[in-house]
Amino acid sequence: GGNAIGAGDWGSGVTLPVSYDLGKSFSLQLTPQLAAAVDSDRSGRHAAYSVVAGLGFPVASSVSGTIEAMAVRDDDPAGPTTQTYASLSFGWTPLKDWQFDVGGVAGLNRNSTDAELYFGVSRLF
């Protein structure tokens, strides 16, 4: 993308989401990612990688929860960084084609954003 809306050069990556059913509505989730990220000086690329591990669990008949941990490593030549996060979210499915989500993310080290809250609405059609 251009300088106004992008990194000024191309980057690419691959993500491999994996989920394993543990039974009784519990699931284990793992999402590793490997990327060729654009250098902060906008000339060249470097490795960036992350992994998210989570546990999905039932709360009620139409409510589910997920607890996650995430680590992100960016090996930019200008200064590599590692960010770590913990997250808790809940999804409510009042009808088979509607879901409402709410969650929070907390940064666990000084390189991470302190906290984020989010809300989402999904409709299957």
N, C-alpha and C. Protein backbone atom coordinates (compact mmCIF):
# COMPACT_ATOMS: atom_id res chain seq x y z
N GLY A 1 0.81 -1.18 0.00
CA GLY A 1 0.00 0.00 0.00
C GLY A 1 0.85 1.25 0.00
N GLY A 2 0.27 2.35 -0.34
CA GLY A 2 0.96 3.63 -0.35
C GLY A 2 1.24 4.12 1.06
N ASN A 3 2.02 5.19 1.15
CA ASN A 3 2.42 5.73 2.45
C ASN A 3 1.25 6.19 3.30
N ALA A 4 0.20 6.71 2.66
CA ALA A 4 -0.93 7.25 3.43
C ALA A 4 -1.74 6.16 4.12
N ILE A 5 -1.87 4.98 3.50
CA ILE A 5 -2.73 3.95 4.08
C ILE A 5 -2.02 2.61 4.26
N GLY A 6 -0.76 2.50 3.88
CA GLY A 6 -0.09 1.21 3.97
C GLY A 6 1.32 1.33 4.49
N ALA A 7 2.06 0.25 4.33
CA ALA A 7 3.44 0.18 4.82
C ALA A 7 4.44 0.69 3.80
N GLY A 8 3.98 1.06 2.59
CA GLY A 8 4.87 1.61 1.58
C GLY A 8 5.55 0.56 0.72
N ASP A 9 5.31 -0.71 0.96
CA ASP A 9 5.91 -1.81 0.21
C ASP A 9 5.00 -3.02 0.40
N TRP A 10 5.33 -4.11 -0.21
CA TRP A 10 4.49 -5.30 -0.06
C TRP A 10 4.95 -6.16 1.12
N GLY A 11 4.02 -6.85 1.68
CA GLY A 11 4.27 -7.81 2.74
C GLY A 11 3.35 -8.99 2.53
N SER A 12 3.64 -10.11 3.12
CA SER A 12 2.76 -11.27 2.97
C SER A 12 2.88 -12.14 4.20
N GLY A 13 1.93 -13.06 4.34
CA GLY A 13 1.96 -13.94 5.49
C GLY A 13 1.03 -15.11 5.32
N VAL A 14 1.16 -16.06 6.21
CA VAL A 14 0.29 -17.23 6.21
C VAL A 14 -0.15 -17.49 7.65
N THR A 15 -1.43 -17.83 7.80
CA THR A 15 -2.02 -18.15 9.09
C THR A 15 -2.64 -19.53 9.00
N LEU A 16 -2.47 -20.34 10.04
CA LEU A 16 -3.00 -21.69 10.04
C LEU A 16 -3.84 -21.91 11.30
N PRO A 17 -5.15 -21.60 11.23
CA PRO A 17 -6.01 -21.81 12.40
C PRO A 17 -6.33 -23.29 12.59
N VAL A 18 -6.20 -23.77 13.82
CA VAL A 18 -6.47 -25.15 14.17
C VAL A 18 -7.36 -25.18 15.40
N SER A 19 -8.37 -26.04 15.38
CA SER A 19 -9.26 -26.19 16.53
C SER A 19 -9.44 -27.67 16.80
N TYR A 20 -9.44 -28.02 18.07
CA TYR A 20 -9.61 -29.41 18.47
C TYR A 20 -10.75 -29.50 19.49
N ASP A 21 -11.74 -30.34 19.20
CA ASP A 21 -12.88 -30.53 20.07
C ASP A 21 -12.46 -31.40 21.26
N LEU A 22 -12.57 -30.85 22.47
CA LEU A 22 -12.22 -31.58 23.68
C LEU A 22 -13.41 -32.31 24.30
N GLY A 23 -14.59 -32.13 23.72
CA GLY A 23 -15.80 -32.74 24.26
C GLY A 23 -16.51 -31.82 25.23
N LYS A 24 -17.81 -32.08 25.44
CA LYS A 24 -18.64 -31.30 26.36
C LYS A 24 -18.58 -29.80 26.06
N SER A 25 -18.51 -29.45 24.77
CA SER A 25 -18.50 -28.06 24.26
C SER A 25 -17.21 -27.30 24.58
N PHE A 26 -16.16 -27.98 25.01
CA PHE A 26 -14.85 -27.35 25.20
C PHE A 26 -14.03 -27.55 23.93
N SER A 27 -13.22 -26.56 23.58
CA SER A 27 -12.35 -26.69 22.41
C SER A 27 -11.02 -26.00 22.67
N LEU A 28 -10.00 -26.55 22.07
CA LEU A 28 -8.66 -25.98 22.13
C LEU A 28 -8.38 -25.36 20.77
N GLN A 29 -7.90 -24.11 20.76
CA GLN A 29 -7.64 -23.40 19.51
C GLN A 29 -6.20 -22.93 19.47
N LEU A 30 -5.59 -23.03 18.31
CA LEU A 30 -4.22 -22.58 18.11
C LEU A 30 -4.14 -21.93 16.74
N THR A 31 -3.59 -20.71 16.68
CA THR A 31 -3.47 -20.00 15.41
C THR A 31 -2.07 -19.41 15.29
N PRO A 32 -1.15 -20.15 14.67
CA PRO A 32 0.18 -19.59 14.40
C PRO A 32 0.16 -18.77 13.11
N GLN A 33 1.02 -17.76 13.04
CA GLN A 33 1.14 -16.92 11.84
C GLN A 33 2.60 -16.62 11.59
N LEU A 34 3.01 -16.65 10.33
CA LEU A 34 4.35 -16.28 9.90
C LEU A 34 4.20 -15.27 8.78
N ALA A 35 4.96 -14.17 8.86
CA ALA A 35 4.81 -13.10 7.86
C ALA A 35 6.16 -12.54 7.43
N ALA A 36 6.17 -12.04 6.20
CA ALA A 36 7.27 -11.21 5.70
C ALA A 36 6.76 -9.78 5.82
N ALA A 37 7.09 -9.11 6.92
CA ALA A 37 6.58 -7.77 7.21
C ALA A 37 7.52 -6.71 6.64
N VAL A 38 6.94 -5.58 6.31
CA VAL A 38 7.73 -4.47 5.75
C VAL A 38 8.55 -3.83 6.87
N ASP A 39 9.83 -3.56 6.58
CA ASP A 39 10.70 -2.87 7.53
C ASP A 39 10.13 -1.49 7.85
N SER A 40 10.39 -0.99 9.05
CA SER A 40 9.87 0.33 9.44
C SER A 40 10.43 1.45 8.58
N ASP A 41 11.60 1.25 7.96
CA ASP A 41 12.13 2.27 7.05
C ASP A 41 11.57 2.13 5.64
N ARG A 42 10.62 1.19 5.46
CA ARG A 42 9.88 0.98 4.21
C ARG A 42 10.74 0.48 3.06
N SER A 43 11.88 -0.13 3.35
CA SER A 43 12.72 -0.68 2.27
C SER A 43 13.19 -2.07 2.68
N GLY A 44 12.44 -3.06 2.29
CA GLY A 44 12.78 -4.43 2.61
C GLY A 44 11.78 -5.07 3.55
N ARG A 45 12.02 -6.34 3.85
CA ARG A 45 11.12 -7.11 4.68
C ARG A 45 11.90 -7.88 5.74
N HIS A 46 11.20 -8.30 6.75
CA HIS A 46 11.78 -9.08 7.84
C HIS A 46 10.73 -10.06 8.36
N ALA A 47 11.16 -10.99 9.18
CA ALA A 47 10.24 -11.99 9.75
C ALA A 47 9.42 -11.38 10.89
N ALA A 48 8.17 -11.72 10.91
CA ALA A 48 7.28 -11.40 12.02
C ALA A 48 6.42 -12.65 12.22
N TYR A 49 6.21 -13.03 13.46
CA TYR A 49 5.44 -14.24 13.71
C TYR A 49 4.68 -14.09 15.01
N SER A 50 3.61 -14.87 15.11
CA SER A 50 2.78 -14.81 16.30
C SER A 50 2.09 -16.15 16.51
N VAL A 51 1.56 -16.33 17.70
CA VAL A 51 0.74 -17.49 18.00
C VAL A 51 -0.33 -17.08 19.01
N VAL A 52 -1.54 -17.56 18.77
CA VAL A 52 -2.65 -17.37 19.70
C VAL A 52 -3.10 -18.76 20.14
N ALA A 53 -3.21 -18.97 21.43
CA ALA A 53 -3.71 -20.22 21.98
C ALA A 53 -4.93 -19.91 22.84
N GLY A 54 -5.99 -20.68 22.65
CA GLY A 54 -7.21 -20.39 23.38
C GLY A 54 -7.96 -21.63 23.82
N LEU A 55 -8.85 -21.43 24.77
CA LEU A 55 -9.73 -22.47 25.26
C LEU A 55 -11.15 -21.94 25.19
N GLY A 56 -11.98 -22.60 24.38
CA GLY A 56 -13.39 -22.26 24.29
C GLY A 56 -14.18 -23.09 25.28
N PHE A 57 -15.18 -22.49 25.92
CA PHE A 57 -15.93 -23.20 26.95
C PHE A 57 -17.39 -22.75 26.97
N PRO A 58 -18.29 -23.62 27.40
CA PRO A 58 -19.69 -23.25 27.48
C PRO A 58 -19.96 -22.44 28.75
N VAL A 59 -20.86 -21.47 28.64
CA VAL A 59 -21.29 -20.69 29.80
C VAL A 59 -22.76 -20.98 30.10
N ALA A 60 -23.57 -20.99 29.06
CA ALA A 60 -25.00 -21.31 29.15
C ALA A 60 -25.41 -21.89 27.80
N SER A 61 -26.69 -22.21 27.65
CA SER A 61 -27.12 -22.86 26.40
C SER A 61 -26.85 -22.02 25.16
N SER A 62 -26.91 -20.71 25.25
CA SER A 62 -26.68 -19.86 24.08
C SER A 62 -25.49 -18.92 24.27
N VAL A 63 -24.68 -19.15 25.30
CA VAL A 63 -23.52 -18.30 25.58
C VAL A 63 -22.26 -19.15 25.66
N SER A 64 -21.23 -18.70 24.94
CA SER A 64 -19.93 -19.38 24.98
C SER A 64 -18.86 -18.38 25.40
N GLY A 65 -17.77 -18.89 25.89
CA GLY A 65 -16.65 -18.04 26.30
C GLY A 65 -15.36 -18.55 25.70
N THR A 66 -14.37 -17.68 25.63
CA THR A 66 -13.03 -18.04 25.17
C THR A 66 -12.00 -17.27 25.98
N ILE A 67 -11.00 -17.98 26.47
CA ILE A 67 -9.86 -17.35 27.12
C ILE A 67 -8.66 -17.62 26.24
N GLU A 68 -7.85 -16.57 25.97
CA GLU A 68 -6.74 -16.70 25.03
C GLU A 68 -5.47 -16.04 25.56
N ALA A 69 -4.35 -16.51 25.06
CA ALA A 69 -3.05 -15.87 25.26
C ALA A 69 -2.43 -15.70 23.88
N MET A 70 -1.70 -14.59 23.70
CA MET A 70 -1.10 -14.29 22.40
C MET A 70 0.30 -13.74 22.60
N ALA A 71 1.21 -14.17 21.73
CA ALA A 71 2.57 -13.63 21.69
C ALA A 71 2.86 -13.23 20.25
N VAL A 72 3.43 -12.03 20.08
CA VAL A 72 3.74 -11.49 18.75
C VAL A 72 5.20 -11.06 18.76
N ARG A 73 5.97 -11.55 17.80
CA ARG A 73 7.38 -11.18 17.67
C ARG A 73 7.58 -10.52 16.31
N ASP A 74 8.18 -9.34 16.30
CA ASP A 74 8.47 -8.60 15.08
C ASP A 74 9.97 -8.32 15.05
N ASP A 75 10.69 -8.94 14.12
CA ASP A 75 12.15 -8.81 14.05
C ASP A 75 12.59 -7.69 13.12
N ASP A 76 11.95 -6.52 13.24
CA ASP A 76 12.32 -5.36 12.42
C ASP A 76 13.77 -4.98 12.70
N PRO A 77 14.58 -4.74 11.65
CA PRO A 77 15.98 -4.36 11.85
C PRO A 77 16.15 -3.08 12.68
N ALA A 78 15.14 -2.21 12.69
CA ALA A 78 15.22 -0.98 13.47
C ALA A 78 15.07 -1.25 14.97
N GLY A 79 14.65 -2.42 15.33
CA GLY A 79 14.47 -2.78 16.74
C GLY A 79 13.41 -3.84 16.89
N PRO A 80 13.80 -5.06 17.17
CA PRO A 80 12.81 -6.12 17.35
C PRO A 80 11.96 -5.89 18.60
N THR A 81 10.71 -6.35 18.53
CA THR A 81 9.79 -6.22 19.67
C THR A 81 9.03 -7.52 19.88
N THR A 82 8.63 -7.73 21.12
CA THR A 82 7.75 -8.83 21.47
C THR A 82 6.59 -8.26 22.27
N GLN A 83 5.38 -8.61 21.87
CA GLN A 83 4.17 -8.19 22.58
C GLN A 83 3.46 -9.43 23.09
N THR A 84 2.89 -9.35 24.29
CA THR A 84 2.11 -10.45 24.86
C THR A 84 0.78 -9.92 25.37
N TYR A 85 -0.25 -10.75 25.20
CA TYR A 85 -1.61 -10.34 25.57
C TYR A 85 -2.37 -11.49 26.19
N ALA A 86 -3.38 -11.16 26.99
CA ALA A 86 -4.37 -12.11 27.49
C ALA A 86 -5.75 -11.56 27.13
N SER A 87 -6.67 -12.46 26.84
CA SER A 87 -7.98 -12.03 26.37
C SER A 87 -9.08 -12.92 26.94
N LEU A 88 -10.24 -12.32 27.16
CA LEU A 88 -11.44 -13.04 27.58
C LEU A 88 -12.60 -12.50 26.77
N SER A 89 -13.38 -13.39 26.14
CA SER A 89 -14.51 -12.94 25.34
C SER A 89 -15.71 -13.87 25.54
N PHE A 90 -16.88 -13.33 25.23
CA PHE A 90 -18.13 -14.09 25.33
C PHE A 90 -18.95 -13.85 24.08
N GLY A 91 -19.61 -14.90 23.62
CA GLY A 91 -20.51 -14.81 22.49
C GLY A 91 -21.90 -15.29 22.88
N TRP A 92 -22.91 -14.52 22.50
CA TRP A 92 -24.30 -14.87 22.78
C TRP A 92 -25.00 -15.09 21.45
N THR A 93 -25.62 -16.25 21.29
CA THR A 93 -26.32 -16.60 20.06
C THR A 93 -27.81 -16.76 20.38
N PRO A 94 -28.59 -15.66 20.33
CA PRO A 94 -30.00 -15.74 20.70
C PRO A 94 -30.83 -16.46 19.64
N LEU A 95 -30.40 -16.40 18.38
CA LEU A 95 -31.05 -17.10 17.26
C LEU A 95 -29.96 -17.78 16.45
N LYS A 96 -30.31 -18.78 15.64
CA LYS A 96 -29.28 -19.54 14.94
C LYS A 96 -28.47 -18.72 13.95
N ASP A 97 -28.99 -17.58 13.51
CA ASP A 97 -28.26 -16.78 12.52
C ASP A 97 -27.76 -15.43 13.06
N TRP A 98 -27.81 -15.22 14.36
CA TRP A 98 -27.31 -13.99 14.98
C TRP A 98 -26.36 -14.31 16.13
N GLN A 99 -25.27 -13.53 16.24
CA GLN A 99 -24.37 -13.67 17.39
C GLN A 99 -23.88 -12.29 17.81
N PHE A 100 -23.83 -12.07 19.11
CA PHE A 100 -23.32 -10.83 19.70
C PHE A 100 -22.08 -11.19 20.53
N ASP A 101 -21.01 -10.44 20.37
CA ASP A 101 -19.74 -10.72 21.05
C ASP A 101 -19.31 -9.52 21.87
N VAL A 102 -18.67 -9.80 23.00
CA VAL A 102 -18.07 -8.76 23.83
C VAL A 102 -16.79 -9.36 24.41
N GLY A 103 -15.75 -8.54 24.50
CA GLY A 103 -14.50 -9.05 25.03
C GLY A 103 -13.55 -7.97 25.46
N GLY A 104 -12.49 -8.41 26.08
CA GLY A 104 -11.44 -7.50 26.52
C GLY A 104 -10.08 -8.13 26.33
N VAL A 105 -9.11 -7.28 26.05
CA VAL A 105 -7.72 -7.71 25.83
C VAL A 105 -6.84 -6.88 26.75
N ALA A 106 -5.90 -7.53 27.43
CA ALA A 106 -4.97 -6.83 28.31
C ALA A 106 -3.54 -7.11 27.85
N GLY A 107 -2.77 -6.04 27.70
CA GLY A 107 -1.36 -6.19 27.37
C GLY A 107 -0.59 -6.65 28.60
N LEU A 108 0.36 -7.58 28.38
CA LEU A 108 1.08 -8.16 29.51
C LEU A 108 2.53 -7.68 29.63
N ASN A 109 2.99 -6.89 28.67
CA ASN A 109 4.35 -6.34 28.79
C ASN A 109 4.36 -4.90 28.27
N ARG A 110 5.50 -4.21 28.41
CA ARG A 110 5.54 -2.78 28.07
C ARG A 110 5.42 -2.49 26.59
N ASN A 111 5.66 -3.47 25.72
CA ASN A 111 5.52 -3.26 24.28
C ASN A 111 4.08 -3.41 23.81
N SER A 112 3.20 -3.89 24.66
CA SER A 112 1.81 -4.18 24.29
C SER A 112 0.89 -3.01 24.64
N THR A 113 -0.20 -2.90 23.87
CA THR A 113 -1.25 -1.95 24.20
C THR A 113 -1.80 -2.31 25.58
N ASP A 114 -2.08 -1.31 26.42
CA ASP A 114 -2.52 -1.59 27.79
C ASP A 114 -3.79 -2.42 27.85
N ALA A 115 -4.86 -1.95 27.18
CA ALA A 115 -6.14 -2.65 27.25
C ALA A 115 -7.01 -2.24 26.08
N GLU A 116 -7.87 -3.16 25.67
CA GLU A 116 -8.86 -2.90 24.63
C GLU A 116 -10.15 -3.61 24.99
N LEU A 117 -11.26 -2.98 24.70
CA LEU A 117 -12.57 -3.58 24.84
C LEU A 117 -13.21 -3.58 23.47
N TYR A 118 -14.03 -4.59 23.17
CA TYR A 118 -14.67 -4.62 21.87
C TYR A 118 -16.06 -5.25 21.97
N PHE A 119 -16.86 -4.96 20.96
CA PHE A 119 -18.21 -5.48 20.84
C PHE A 119 -18.45 -5.78 19.37
N GLY A 120 -19.09 -6.88 19.06
CA GLY A 120 -19.35 -7.22 17.67
C GLY A 120 -20.71 -7.86 17.48
N VAL A 121 -21.22 -7.74 16.26
CA VAL A 121 -22.49 -8.34 15.87
C VAL A 121 -22.25 -9.11 14.57
N SER A 122 -22.70 -10.35 14.53
CA SER A 122 -22.58 -11.17 13.31
C SER A 122 -23.94 -11.72 12.94
N ARG A 123 -24.20 -11.76 11.63
CA ARG A 123 -25.45 -12.35 11.13
C ARG A 123 -25.12 -13.28 9.97
N LEU A 124 -25.59 -14.48 10.05
CA LEU A 124 -25.43 -15.46 8.98
C LEU A 124 -26.57 -15.27 7.99
N PHE A 125 -26.22 -15.13 6.70
CA PHE A 125 -27.28 -15.01 5.69
C PHE A 125 -26.86 -15.70 4.42
